[in-house]
């Protein structure tokens, strides 16, 4: 069985070299491939772009420690997928329920822009992770790159399933739901508002309702 993650991966020379320089400047940073985080048996998988310099790259946990995780974790908590509304650092007590978070690219790219070949190199890890999902699971793609990476991992053509905020795609036993990325730029420019993000999660909860009544919003 293919691995869903390799903490010592060096498939991308540009990223490996960049991380080496980051470790020199920030010796206290994680500055290595960032593992998926959450429930191993989750029915809900969130797919982001790549670790942020002072977020996941620093803390070692997806969407933790920087602006990009603010809206994501608050919304996960609101809809019953998380026990806390904030993600500060490893060891902060945060736990996910029926949810796991991963990235299309597991290493920090310069200027947060992975190259096409780097996305391709990391795609087998995502493909292996998607194969662990149960039938009926939901995948939330944060942004076009994550959307396309999911389709590639499933052997599907992007032209058959166009990205669109709030769009929903049936993919042979899985459902892919799209959202604009919860980046600082998108939230501060109001391209993505909390109301827009919550609307996406309302639909996700319709697709995968809680196993028991937990006070999750309907």
N, C-alpha and C. Protein backbone atom coordinates (compact mmCIF):
# COMPACT_ATOMS: atom_id res chain seq x y z
N UNK A 1 0.85 -1.20 0.00
CA UNK A 1 0.00 0.00 0.00
C UNK A 1 0.88 1.24 0.00
N UNK A 2 0.52 2.20 -0.84
CA UNK A 2 1.28 3.43 -0.91
C UNK A 2 1.11 4.24 0.37
N UNK A 3 2.17 4.99 0.71
CA UNK A 3 2.13 5.80 1.92
C UNK A 3 1.35 7.09 1.67
N UNK A 4 0.64 7.55 2.70
CA UNK A 4 -0.08 8.82 2.61
C UNK A 4 0.81 9.99 3.01
N UNK A 5 2.02 9.70 3.52
CA UNK A 5 2.91 10.77 3.98
C UNK A 5 4.31 10.22 4.17
N UNK A 6 5.31 11.06 3.85
CA UNK A 6 6.71 10.71 4.08
C UNK A 6 7.39 11.93 4.70
N UNK A 7 7.71 11.83 5.98
CA UNK A 7 8.32 12.95 6.70
C UNK A 7 9.70 13.31 6.19
N UNK A 8 10.33 12.40 5.46
CA UNK A 8 11.69 12.64 4.95
C UNK A 8 11.73 12.80 3.44
N UNK A 9 10.58 13.10 2.84
CA UNK A 9 10.49 13.21 1.39
C UNK A 9 11.41 14.32 0.85
N UNK A 10 12.15 14.00 -0.22
CA UNK A 10 13.01 14.99 -0.90
C UNK A 10 12.78 14.93 -2.41
N UNK A 11 11.56 14.62 -2.82
CA UNK A 11 11.27 14.47 -4.25
C UNK A 11 11.41 15.78 -5.03
N UNK A 12 11.23 16.91 -4.35
CA UNK A 12 11.25 18.21 -5.02
C UNK A 12 12.50 18.99 -4.62
N UNK A 13 13.53 19.02 -5.46
CA UNK A 13 14.79 19.69 -5.09
C UNK A 13 14.61 21.15 -4.69
N UNK A 14 13.75 21.89 -5.40
CA UNK A 14 13.55 23.31 -5.07
C UNK A 14 12.98 23.46 -3.67
N UNK A 15 12.00 22.64 -3.31
CA UNK A 15 11.39 22.73 -1.99
C UNK A 15 12.34 22.26 -0.90
N UNK A 16 13.09 21.21 -1.18
CA UNK A 16 14.05 20.70 -0.20
C UNK A 16 15.10 21.76 0.11
N UNK A 17 15.60 22.41 -0.93
CA UNK A 17 16.60 23.47 -0.76
C UNK A 17 16.01 24.66 -0.01
N UNK A 18 14.78 25.03 -0.35
CA UNK A 18 14.14 26.16 0.30
C UNK A 18 13.93 25.88 1.79
N UNK A 19 13.48 24.68 2.13
CA UNK A 19 13.27 24.33 3.53
C UNK A 19 14.58 24.35 4.30
N UNK A 20 15.66 23.96 3.66
CA UNK A 20 16.97 24.00 4.31
C UNK A 20 17.35 25.43 4.68
N UNK A 21 17.08 26.37 3.78
CA UNK A 21 17.37 27.78 4.05
C UNK A 21 16.46 28.32 5.15
N UNK A 22 15.20 27.89 5.14
CA UNK A 22 14.24 28.33 6.17
C UNK A 22 14.69 27.84 7.54
N UNK A 23 15.18 26.61 7.63
CA UNK A 23 15.66 26.07 8.91
C UNK A 23 16.84 26.87 9.45
N UNK A 24 17.68 27.36 8.55
CA UNK A 24 18.81 28.19 8.97
C UNK A 24 18.33 29.51 9.57
N UNK A 25 17.32 30.11 8.94
CA UNK A 25 16.80 31.40 9.41
C UNK A 25 15.89 31.24 10.63
N UNK A 26 15.20 30.11 10.70
CA UNK A 26 14.24 29.87 11.78
C UNK A 26 14.49 28.48 12.37
N UNK A 27 15.52 28.32 13.17
CA UNK A 27 15.87 26.99 13.69
C UNK A 27 14.81 26.37 14.59
N UNK A 28 13.88 27.19 15.08
CA UNK A 28 12.82 26.66 15.94
C UNK A 28 11.58 26.25 15.15
N UNK A 29 11.58 26.44 13.83
CA UNK A 29 10.44 26.08 13.00
C UNK A 29 10.47 24.59 12.66
N UNK A 30 9.30 24.05 12.36
CA UNK A 30 9.19 22.66 11.89
C UNK A 30 9.97 22.50 10.60
N UNK A 31 9.71 23.34 9.61
CA UNK A 31 10.47 23.43 8.36
C UNK A 31 10.77 22.06 7.74
N UNK A 32 9.72 21.28 7.54
CA UNK A 32 9.80 19.95 6.97
C UNK A 32 8.42 19.61 6.40
N UNK A 33 8.28 18.49 5.70
CA UNK A 33 6.94 18.11 5.25
C UNK A 33 5.95 18.09 6.41
N UNK A 34 4.75 18.58 6.17
CA UNK A 34 3.72 18.66 7.21
C UNK A 34 2.71 17.53 7.02
N UNK A 35 2.54 16.74 8.05
CA UNK A 35 1.66 15.57 7.98
C UNK A 35 0.19 15.97 8.03
N UNK A 36 -0.69 15.16 7.47
CA UNK A 36 -2.12 15.36 7.67
C UNK A 36 -2.45 15.31 9.16
N UNK A 37 -3.54 15.97 9.52
CA UNK A 37 -3.92 16.06 10.93
C UNK A 37 -5.40 15.75 11.09
N UNK A 38 -5.73 14.90 12.09
CA UNK A 38 -7.12 14.67 12.41
C UNK A 38 -7.47 13.21 12.57
N UNK A 39 -8.74 12.92 12.37
CA UNK A 39 -9.33 11.61 12.60
C UNK A 39 -8.95 10.65 11.46
N UNK A 40 -8.30 9.56 11.79
CA UNK A 40 -7.87 8.60 10.78
C UNK A 40 -9.04 7.95 10.06
N UNK A 41 -10.20 7.88 10.72
CA UNK A 41 -11.38 7.25 10.14
C UNK A 41 -12.41 8.28 9.67
N UNK A 42 -11.96 9.49 9.38
CA UNK A 42 -12.87 10.60 9.05
C UNK A 42 -13.67 10.35 7.78
N UNK A 43 -14.89 10.89 7.80
CA UNK A 43 -15.72 10.92 6.59
C UNK A 43 -15.58 12.25 5.86
N UNK A 44 -14.80 13.16 6.42
CA UNK A 44 -14.66 14.52 5.89
C UNK A 44 -13.19 14.87 5.81
N UNK A 45 -12.72 15.17 4.60
CA UNK A 45 -11.32 15.53 4.37
C UNK A 45 -11.24 16.93 3.80
N UNK A 46 -10.50 17.81 4.48
CA UNK A 46 -10.26 19.17 4.00
C UNK A 46 -8.89 19.18 3.31
N UNK A 47 -8.86 19.67 2.07
CA UNK A 47 -7.61 19.72 1.32
C UNK A 47 -7.24 21.17 1.05
N UNK A 48 -6.11 21.60 1.59
CA UNK A 48 -5.60 22.94 1.37
C UNK A 48 -4.53 22.97 0.30
N UNK A 49 -3.86 24.09 0.19
CA UNK A 49 -2.84 24.28 -0.84
C UNK A 49 -1.49 23.72 -0.40
N UNK A 50 -0.88 24.36 0.60
CA UNK A 50 0.45 23.98 1.08
C UNK A 50 0.68 24.67 2.42
N UNK A 51 1.65 24.23 3.20
CA UNK A 51 1.94 24.90 4.48
C UNK A 51 2.31 26.36 4.29
N UNK A 52 1.88 27.21 5.21
CA UNK A 52 2.26 28.61 5.20
C UNK A 52 3.56 28.82 5.96
N UNK A 53 4.33 29.81 5.58
CA UNK A 53 5.64 30.05 6.17
C UNK A 53 5.60 30.11 7.70
N UNK A 54 4.72 30.95 8.24
CA UNK A 54 4.69 31.15 9.69
C UNK A 54 3.51 30.45 10.34
N UNK A 55 2.88 29.55 9.58
CA UNK A 55 1.78 28.76 10.11
C UNK A 55 2.19 27.31 10.22
N UNK A 56 1.68 26.46 9.32
CA UNK A 56 1.98 25.03 9.38
C UNK A 56 3.47 24.75 9.25
N UNK A 57 4.18 25.52 8.44
CA UNK A 57 5.61 25.31 8.32
C UNK A 57 6.34 25.56 9.63
N UNK A 58 5.80 26.44 10.44
CA UNK A 58 6.40 26.75 11.75
C UNK A 58 5.96 25.76 12.82
N UNK A 59 4.66 25.43 12.82
CA UNK A 59 4.10 24.62 13.90
C UNK A 59 4.10 23.12 13.63
N UNK A 60 4.11 22.74 12.34
CA UNK A 60 4.06 21.33 11.99
C UNK A 60 2.66 20.75 11.91
N UNK A 61 1.63 21.62 11.93
CA UNK A 61 0.25 21.14 11.84
C UNK A 61 -0.52 22.01 10.85
N UNK A 62 -1.29 21.42 9.94
CA UNK A 62 -1.98 22.21 8.91
C UNK A 62 -2.84 23.33 9.49
N UNK A 63 -2.73 24.50 8.87
CA UNK A 63 -3.56 25.67 9.19
C UNK A 63 -3.45 26.08 10.66
N UNK A 64 -2.30 25.91 11.24
CA UNK A 64 -2.11 26.23 12.66
C UNK A 64 -1.08 27.32 12.84
N UNK A 65 -1.47 28.41 13.52
CA UNK A 65 -0.52 29.45 13.87
C UNK A 65 -0.51 30.65 12.97
N UNK A 66 -1.37 30.68 11.93
CA UNK A 66 -1.39 31.86 11.07
C UNK A 66 -2.82 32.21 10.70
N UNK A 67 -2.98 33.26 9.91
CA UNK A 67 -4.30 33.80 9.60
C UNK A 67 -5.17 32.81 8.86
N UNK A 68 -4.57 31.98 8.01
CA UNK A 68 -5.36 31.09 7.16
C UNK A 68 -6.23 30.13 7.95
N UNK A 69 -5.80 29.80 9.18
CA UNK A 69 -6.57 28.85 9.97
C UNK A 69 -7.68 29.46 10.80
N UNK A 70 -7.74 30.78 10.89
CA UNK A 70 -8.72 31.43 11.79
C UNK A 70 -10.15 31.05 11.42
N UNK A 71 -10.53 31.32 10.17
CA UNK A 71 -11.89 31.02 9.74
C UNK A 71 -12.13 29.51 9.67
N UNK A 72 -11.12 28.76 9.21
CA UNK A 72 -11.30 27.31 9.07
C UNK A 72 -11.62 26.65 10.41
N UNK A 73 -10.80 26.89 11.43
CA UNK A 73 -11.00 26.20 12.70
C UNK A 73 -12.23 26.71 13.45
N UNK A 74 -12.54 28.00 13.30
CA UNK A 74 -13.76 28.51 13.92
C UNK A 74 -14.98 27.82 13.32
N UNK A 75 -14.95 27.61 12.00
CA UNK A 75 -16.08 26.99 11.34
C UNK A 75 -16.14 25.49 11.63
N UNK A 76 -15.00 24.83 11.66
CA UNK A 76 -14.99 23.41 12.03
C UNK A 76 -15.59 23.21 13.42
N UNK A 77 -15.25 24.10 14.35
CA UNK A 77 -15.79 24.01 15.70
C UNK A 77 -17.30 24.26 15.71
N UNK A 78 -17.74 25.25 14.98
CA UNK A 78 -19.16 25.61 14.92
C UNK A 78 -20.00 24.43 14.42
N UNK A 79 -19.44 23.64 13.51
CA UNK A 79 -20.20 22.54 12.92
C UNK A 79 -19.85 21.18 13.51
N UNK A 80 -19.19 21.19 14.65
CA UNK A 80 -18.99 19.96 15.40
C UNK A 80 -17.84 19.08 14.96
N UNK A 81 -16.93 19.61 14.14
CA UNK A 81 -15.79 18.82 13.69
C UNK A 81 -14.55 19.02 14.56
N UNK A 82 -14.58 19.98 15.47
CA UNK A 82 -13.42 20.31 16.29
C UNK A 82 -13.85 20.63 17.72
N UNK A 83 -12.97 20.32 18.67
CA UNK A 83 -13.30 20.62 20.07
C UNK A 83 -12.88 22.02 20.50
N UNK A 84 -12.20 22.75 19.61
CA UNK A 84 -11.74 24.11 19.91
C UNK A 84 -11.92 24.99 18.68
N UNK A 85 -12.18 26.28 18.86
CA UNK A 85 -12.35 27.17 17.70
C UNK A 85 -11.06 27.79 17.19
N UNK A 86 -9.95 27.52 17.86
CA UNK A 86 -8.67 28.11 17.44
C UNK A 86 -7.58 27.04 17.41
N UNK A 87 -6.58 27.28 16.56
CA UNK A 87 -5.42 26.40 16.45
C UNK A 87 -4.18 27.26 16.59
N UNK A 88 -3.46 27.07 17.68
CA UNK A 88 -2.32 27.93 17.98
C UNK A 88 -0.99 27.22 17.76
N UNK A 89 -0.88 26.00 18.31
CA UNK A 89 0.38 25.26 18.23
C UNK A 89 0.12 23.80 18.56
N UNK A 90 1.06 22.96 18.20
CA UNK A 90 0.97 21.56 18.60
C UNK A 90 0.90 21.51 20.13
N UNK A 91 0.06 20.61 20.64
CA UNK A 91 -0.06 20.49 22.08
C UNK A 91 -1.06 21.44 22.70
N UNK A 92 -1.85 22.15 21.86
CA UNK A 92 -2.84 23.09 22.40
C UNK A 92 -4.16 22.42 22.76
N UNK A 93 -4.22 21.11 22.62
CA UNK A 93 -5.42 20.38 22.99
C UNK A 93 -6.45 20.24 21.89
N UNK A 94 -6.15 20.75 20.72
CA UNK A 94 -7.08 20.69 19.60
C UNK A 94 -7.24 19.24 19.11
N UNK A 95 -8.49 18.82 18.92
CA UNK A 95 -8.79 17.52 18.36
C UNK A 95 -9.89 17.66 17.32
N UNK A 96 -9.80 16.88 16.25
CA UNK A 96 -10.83 16.86 15.22
C UNK A 96 -11.66 15.59 15.33
N UNK A 97 -12.94 15.71 15.03
CA UNK A 97 -13.86 14.57 15.06
C UNK A 97 -14.45 14.36 13.67
N UNK A 98 -14.27 13.16 13.13
CA UNK A 98 -14.80 12.81 11.80
C UNK A 98 -14.28 13.74 10.72
N UNK A 99 -13.10 14.30 10.94
CA UNK A 99 -12.51 15.26 10.01
C UNK A 99 -11.00 15.12 10.01
N UNK A 100 -10.41 15.29 8.84
CA UNK A 100 -8.95 15.30 8.73
C UNK A 100 -8.57 16.42 7.76
N UNK A 101 -7.42 17.03 8.00
CA UNK A 101 -6.95 18.14 7.16
C UNK A 101 -5.61 17.75 6.55
N UNK A 102 -5.48 18.00 5.26
CA UNK A 102 -4.24 17.72 4.56
C UNK A 102 -3.98 18.84 3.56
N UNK A 103 -2.87 18.76 2.84
CA UNK A 103 -2.54 19.75 1.81
C UNK A 103 -2.18 19.06 0.51
N UNK A 104 -2.45 19.72 -0.59
CA UNK A 104 -2.08 19.19 -1.90
C UNK A 104 -0.57 19.05 -2.02
N UNK A 105 0.16 19.98 -1.42
CA UNK A 105 1.62 19.95 -1.37
C UNK A 105 2.01 20.01 0.10
N UNK A 106 2.83 19.07 0.54
CA UNK A 106 3.11 18.92 1.97
C UNK A 106 4.26 19.80 2.46
N UNK A 107 5.01 20.41 1.54
CA UNK A 107 6.16 21.25 1.93
C UNK A 107 5.90 22.71 1.57
N UNK A 108 6.48 23.60 2.35
CA UNK A 108 6.38 25.04 2.10
C UNK A 108 7.02 25.40 0.76
N UNK A 109 6.26 26.03 -0.16
CA UNK A 109 6.85 26.50 -1.41
C UNK A 109 7.22 27.98 -1.32
N UNK A 110 8.25 28.42 -2.02
CA UNK A 110 8.57 29.85 -2.05
C UNK A 110 7.37 30.67 -2.50
N UNK A 111 7.09 31.76 -1.81
CA UNK A 111 5.98 32.65 -2.13
C UNK A 111 4.64 31.93 -2.15
N UNK A 112 4.57 30.80 -1.46
CA UNK A 112 3.33 30.00 -1.38
C UNK A 112 2.82 29.58 -2.75
N UNK A 113 3.77 29.35 -3.70
CA UNK A 113 3.38 28.98 -5.06
C UNK A 113 4.14 27.73 -5.50
N UNK A 114 3.55 26.56 -5.31
CA UNK A 114 4.21 25.35 -5.79
C UNK A 114 4.20 25.29 -7.31
N UNK A 115 5.21 24.69 -7.88
CA UNK A 115 5.27 24.51 -9.32
C UNK A 115 4.47 23.26 -9.71
N UNK A 116 4.10 23.19 -10.98
CA UNK A 116 3.28 22.08 -11.46
C UNK A 116 3.90 20.73 -11.15
N UNK A 117 5.21 20.61 -11.36
CA UNK A 117 5.89 19.35 -11.10
C UNK A 117 5.89 18.99 -9.63
N UNK A 118 5.90 19.99 -8.76
CA UNK A 118 5.88 19.73 -7.32
C UNK A 118 4.52 19.22 -6.87
N UNK A 119 3.47 19.78 -7.46
CA UNK A 119 2.12 19.28 -7.17
C UNK A 119 2.01 17.83 -7.64
N UNK A 120 2.57 17.54 -8.81
CA UNK A 120 2.53 16.17 -9.34
C UNK A 120 3.32 15.21 -8.47
N UNK A 121 4.49 15.64 -7.99
CA UNK A 121 5.30 14.77 -7.13
C UNK A 121 4.59 14.41 -5.85
N UNK A 122 3.81 15.35 -5.31
CA UNK A 122 3.12 15.12 -4.03
C UNK A 122 1.77 14.42 -4.23
N UNK A 123 1.29 14.37 -5.46
CA UNK A 123 -0.05 13.86 -5.70
C UNK A 123 -0.25 12.39 -5.29
N UNK A 124 0.75 11.51 -5.44
CA UNK A 124 0.53 10.13 -4.98
C UNK A 124 0.21 10.02 -3.50
N UNK A 125 0.75 10.92 -2.67
CA UNK A 125 0.40 10.91 -1.24
C UNK A 125 -1.08 11.23 -1.06
N UNK A 126 -1.57 12.23 -1.80
CA UNK A 126 -2.98 12.59 -1.72
C UNK A 126 -3.85 11.45 -2.25
N UNK A 127 -3.41 10.83 -3.35
CA UNK A 127 -4.18 9.72 -3.91
C UNK A 127 -4.30 8.58 -2.90
N UNK A 128 -3.21 8.27 -2.22
CA UNK A 128 -3.24 7.21 -1.21
C UNK A 128 -4.17 7.59 -0.06
N UNK A 129 -4.17 8.86 0.31
CA UNK A 129 -5.04 9.31 1.39
C UNK A 129 -6.51 9.23 0.99
N UNK A 130 -6.81 9.59 -0.24
CA UNK A 130 -8.19 9.51 -0.71
C UNK A 130 -8.70 8.08 -0.70
N UNK A 131 -7.80 7.13 -0.94
CA UNK A 131 -8.22 5.73 -0.93
C UNK A 131 -8.57 5.23 0.47
N UNK A 132 -8.19 5.97 1.50
CA UNK A 132 -8.55 5.56 2.86
C UNK A 132 -9.95 6.04 3.25
N UNK A 133 -10.54 6.92 2.45
CA UNK A 133 -11.84 7.48 2.80
C UNK A 133 -12.95 6.45 2.57
N UNK A 134 -13.94 6.42 3.45
CA UNK A 134 -15.06 5.51 3.25
C UNK A 134 -15.98 6.02 2.14
N UNK A 135 -16.75 5.11 1.58
CA UNK A 135 -17.73 5.51 0.58
C UNK A 135 -18.71 6.50 1.21
N UNK A 136 -19.06 7.54 0.50
CA UNK A 136 -19.94 8.58 1.01
C UNK A 136 -19.21 9.74 1.66
N UNK A 137 -17.89 9.66 1.74
CA UNK A 137 -17.11 10.73 2.36
C UNK A 137 -17.17 12.00 1.51
N UNK A 138 -16.90 13.12 2.17
CA UNK A 138 -16.90 14.43 1.51
C UNK A 138 -15.51 15.02 1.56
N UNK A 139 -15.07 15.58 0.45
CA UNK A 139 -13.79 16.27 0.35
C UNK A 139 -14.07 17.74 0.12
N UNK A 140 -13.49 18.60 0.94
CA UNK A 140 -13.60 20.04 0.75
C UNK A 140 -12.30 20.55 0.19
N UNK A 141 -12.34 21.06 -1.04
CA UNK A 141 -11.15 21.63 -1.68
C UNK A 141 -11.13 23.13 -1.47
N UNK A 142 -10.06 23.61 -0.83
CA UNK A 142 -9.91 25.04 -0.58
C UNK A 142 -9.08 25.65 -1.71
N UNK A 143 -9.75 26.11 -2.74
CA UNK A 143 -9.08 26.74 -3.86
C UNK A 143 -8.93 25.83 -5.06
N UNK A 144 -8.62 26.45 -6.20
CA UNK A 144 -8.54 25.73 -7.47
C UNK A 144 -7.42 24.69 -7.47
N UNK A 145 -6.26 25.04 -6.92
CA UNK A 145 -5.15 24.09 -6.95
C UNK A 145 -5.51 22.82 -6.18
N UNK A 146 -6.11 22.97 -5.01
CA UNK A 146 -6.52 21.79 -4.23
C UNK A 146 -7.57 20.99 -4.99
N UNK A 147 -8.53 21.68 -5.59
CA UNK A 147 -9.57 21.05 -6.40
C UNK A 147 -8.96 20.19 -7.50
N UNK A 148 -8.04 20.78 -8.25
CA UNK A 148 -7.42 20.06 -9.36
C UNK A 148 -6.54 18.91 -8.87
N UNK A 149 -5.90 19.10 -7.71
CA UNK A 149 -5.06 18.03 -7.17
C UNK A 149 -5.91 16.82 -6.78
N UNK A 150 -7.09 17.07 -6.23
CA UNK A 150 -8.00 15.98 -5.87
C UNK A 150 -8.43 15.22 -7.13
N UNK A 151 -8.81 15.95 -8.16
CA UNK A 151 -9.23 15.30 -9.41
C UNK A 151 -8.09 14.49 -10.01
N UNK A 152 -6.89 15.04 -10.01
CA UNK A 152 -5.73 14.32 -10.53
C UNK A 152 -5.50 13.04 -9.72
N UNK A 153 -5.61 13.15 -8.40
CA UNK A 153 -5.39 11.99 -7.54
C UNK A 153 -6.41 10.89 -7.79
N UNK A 154 -7.60 11.26 -8.27
CA UNK A 154 -8.64 10.29 -8.56
C UNK A 154 -8.64 9.86 -10.03
N UNK A 155 -7.67 10.37 -10.80
CA UNK A 155 -7.57 10.01 -12.20
C UNK A 155 -8.64 10.64 -13.07
N UNK A 156 -9.15 11.82 -12.65
CA UNK A 156 -10.21 12.50 -13.37
C UNK A 156 -9.69 13.77 -14.04
N UNK A 157 -10.36 14.19 -15.09
CA UNK A 157 -9.97 15.39 -15.81
C UNK A 157 -10.59 16.63 -15.18
N UNK A 158 -9.76 17.67 -15.02
CA UNK A 158 -10.26 18.92 -14.45
C UNK A 158 -11.34 19.54 -15.32
N UNK A 159 -11.27 19.32 -16.63
CA UNK A 159 -12.25 19.91 -17.54
C UNK A 159 -13.65 19.36 -17.32
N UNK A 160 -13.75 18.19 -16.70
CA UNK A 160 -15.07 17.58 -16.46
C UNK A 160 -15.71 18.06 -15.17
N UNK A 161 -14.91 18.71 -14.32
CA UNK A 161 -15.41 19.16 -13.03
C UNK A 161 -14.78 20.52 -12.72
N UNK A 162 -15.41 21.58 -13.14
CA UNK A 162 -14.85 22.92 -12.99
C UNK A 162 -14.97 23.41 -11.55
N UNK A 163 -13.92 24.09 -11.08
CA UNK A 163 -13.97 24.68 -9.74
C UNK A 163 -14.95 25.84 -9.70
N UNK A 164 -15.66 25.95 -8.59
CA UNK A 164 -16.52 27.10 -8.36
C UNK A 164 -16.90 27.12 -6.89
N UNK A 165 -16.88 28.28 -6.28
CA UNK A 165 -17.21 28.33 -4.86
C UNK A 165 -18.61 27.79 -4.62
N UNK A 166 -18.71 26.79 -3.73
CA UNK A 166 -19.99 26.17 -3.44
C UNK A 166 -20.38 25.06 -4.40
N UNK A 167 -19.55 24.83 -5.43
CA UNK A 167 -19.86 23.78 -6.39
C UNK A 167 -19.72 22.41 -5.74
N UNK A 168 -20.48 21.45 -6.23
CA UNK A 168 -20.52 20.10 -5.68
C UNK A 168 -20.35 19.11 -6.82
N UNK A 169 -19.45 18.12 -6.63
CA UNK A 169 -19.14 17.18 -7.69
C UNK A 169 -19.24 15.75 -7.15
N UNK A 170 -20.06 14.91 -7.78
CA UNK A 170 -20.17 13.50 -7.42
C UNK A 170 -19.05 12.73 -8.12
N UNK A 171 -18.21 12.06 -7.34
CA UNK A 171 -17.02 11.40 -7.88
C UNK A 171 -16.97 9.93 -7.45
N UNK A 172 -17.86 9.12 -7.97
CA UNK A 172 -17.82 7.68 -7.74
C UNK A 172 -17.71 7.31 -6.26
N UNK A 173 -18.73 7.66 -5.50
CA UNK A 173 -18.76 7.28 -4.09
C UNK A 173 -18.25 8.35 -3.15
N UNK A 174 -17.63 9.39 -3.69
CA UNK A 174 -17.16 10.52 -2.90
C UNK A 174 -17.83 11.79 -3.43
N UNK A 175 -17.89 12.80 -2.60
CA UNK A 175 -18.41 14.10 -3.04
C UNK A 175 -17.34 15.15 -2.81
N UNK A 176 -17.00 15.88 -3.86
CA UNK A 176 -16.06 16.99 -3.78
C UNK A 176 -16.84 18.29 -3.72
N UNK A 177 -16.58 19.08 -2.68
CA UNK A 177 -17.21 20.39 -2.51
C UNK A 177 -16.12 21.45 -2.57
N UNK A 178 -16.38 22.53 -3.29
CA UNK A 178 -15.39 23.58 -3.48
C UNK A 178 -15.66 24.80 -2.61
N UNK A 179 -14.57 25.44 -2.19
CA UNK A 179 -14.68 26.75 -1.53
C UNK A 179 -13.45 27.57 -1.89
N UNK A 180 -13.65 28.88 -1.94
CA UNK A 180 -12.47 29.73 -2.01
C UNK A 180 -11.59 29.44 -0.79
N UNK A 181 -10.30 29.59 -0.96
CA UNK A 181 -9.36 29.35 0.14
C UNK A 181 -9.54 30.41 1.22
N UNK A 182 -9.42 29.97 2.48
CA UNK A 182 -9.58 30.90 3.61
C UNK A 182 -8.28 31.63 3.92
N UNK A 183 -7.65 32.15 2.91
CA UNK A 183 -6.41 32.90 3.06
C UNK A 183 -6.68 34.30 3.59
N UNK A 184 -5.63 34.94 4.06
CA UNK A 184 -5.75 36.32 4.54
C UNK A 184 -6.31 37.22 3.44
N UNK A 185 -5.79 37.08 2.24
CA UNK A 185 -6.23 37.94 1.13
C UNK A 185 -7.72 37.75 0.87
N UNK A 186 -8.17 36.50 0.78
CA UNK A 186 -9.57 36.25 0.45
C UNK A 186 -10.53 36.71 1.55
N UNK A 187 -10.15 36.52 2.81
CA UNK A 187 -11.05 36.92 3.89
C UNK A 187 -11.04 38.43 4.11
N UNK A 188 -9.88 39.06 3.94
CA UNK A 188 -9.82 40.51 4.17
C UNK A 188 -10.43 41.30 3.02
N UNK A 189 -10.39 40.75 1.81
CA UNK A 189 -11.02 41.42 0.67
C UNK A 189 -12.50 41.05 0.55
N UNK A 190 -12.96 40.16 1.43
CA UNK A 190 -14.35 39.71 1.46
C UNK A 190 -14.70 38.86 0.24
N UNK A 191 -13.72 38.38 -0.46
CA UNK A 191 -14.02 37.40 -1.51
C UNK A 191 -14.64 36.16 -0.87
N UNK A 192 -14.16 35.84 0.34
CA UNK A 192 -14.75 34.77 1.13
C UNK A 192 -15.15 35.35 2.49
N UNK A 193 -16.43 35.35 2.76
CA UNK A 193 -16.93 35.85 4.04
C UNK A 193 -17.27 34.66 4.95
N UNK A 194 -17.37 34.89 6.26
CA UNK A 194 -17.78 33.81 7.15
C UNK A 194 -19.13 33.22 6.76
N UNK A 195 -20.04 34.05 6.29
CA UNK A 195 -21.36 33.56 5.89
C UNK A 195 -21.25 32.64 4.68
N UNK A 196 -20.41 33.00 3.73
CA UNK A 196 -20.20 32.14 2.55
C UNK A 196 -19.60 30.80 2.95
N UNK A 197 -18.64 30.85 3.85
CA UNK A 197 -17.97 29.62 4.29
C UNK A 197 -18.95 28.74 5.07
N UNK A 198 -19.73 29.35 5.93
CA UNK A 198 -20.70 28.57 6.70
C UNK A 198 -21.75 27.93 5.80
N UNK A 199 -22.12 28.59 4.72
CA UNK A 199 -23.08 28.01 3.79
C UNK A 199 -22.54 26.72 3.18
N UNK A 200 -21.25 26.72 2.88
CA UNK A 200 -20.61 25.50 2.36
C UNK A 200 -20.67 24.40 3.40
N UNK A 201 -20.41 24.74 4.66
CA UNK A 201 -20.41 23.74 5.73
C UNK A 201 -21.82 23.24 6.04
N UNK A 202 -22.81 24.09 5.89
CA UNK A 202 -24.19 23.63 6.05
C UNK A 202 -24.47 22.50 5.06
N UNK A 203 -24.04 22.66 3.83
CA UNK A 203 -24.24 21.62 2.82
C UNK A 203 -23.44 20.37 3.17
N UNK A 204 -22.22 20.54 3.63
CA UNK A 204 -21.40 19.39 4.02
C UNK A 204 -22.07 18.60 5.14
N UNK A 205 -22.66 19.31 6.10
CA UNK A 205 -23.35 18.63 7.19
C UNK A 205 -24.62 17.91 6.71
N UNK A 206 -25.22 18.38 5.65
CA UNK A 206 -26.34 17.64 5.06
C UNK A 206 -25.86 16.33 4.45
N UNK A 207 -24.66 16.37 3.89
CA UNK A 207 -24.09 15.18 3.24
C UNK A 207 -23.55 14.18 4.26
N UNK A 208 -22.99 14.68 5.36
CA UNK A 208 -22.46 13.80 6.41
C UNK A 208 -22.95 14.31 7.77
N UNK A 209 -24.18 13.99 8.12
CA UNK A 209 -24.72 14.45 9.42
C UNK A 209 -23.96 13.83 10.58
N UNK A 210 -23.96 14.47 11.72
CA UNK A 210 -23.29 13.92 12.90
C UNK A 210 -23.85 12.54 13.24
N UNK A 211 -22.99 11.70 13.80
CA UNK A 211 -23.41 10.35 14.16
C UNK A 211 -24.47 10.39 15.25
N UNK A 212 -24.45 11.40 16.09
CA UNK A 212 -25.44 11.57 17.14
C UNK A 212 -25.67 13.07 17.34
N UNK A 213 -26.73 13.41 18.05
CA UNK A 213 -27.06 14.82 18.28
C UNK A 213 -25.99 15.46 19.14
N UNK A 214 -25.29 16.42 18.57
CA UNK A 214 -24.21 17.09 19.29
C UNK A 214 -24.40 18.59 19.34
N UNK A 215 -25.60 19.05 18.99
CA UNK A 215 -25.85 20.49 19.02
C UNK A 215 -25.30 21.21 17.81
N UNK A 216 -24.91 20.45 16.77
CA UNK A 216 -24.37 21.05 15.57
C UNK A 216 -25.47 21.82 14.83
N UNK A 217 -25.15 23.02 14.31
CA UNK A 217 -26.16 23.79 13.59
C UNK A 217 -26.72 23.04 12.41
N UNK A 218 -28.01 23.21 12.14
CA UNK A 218 -28.63 22.57 10.99
C UNK A 218 -28.65 23.49 9.80
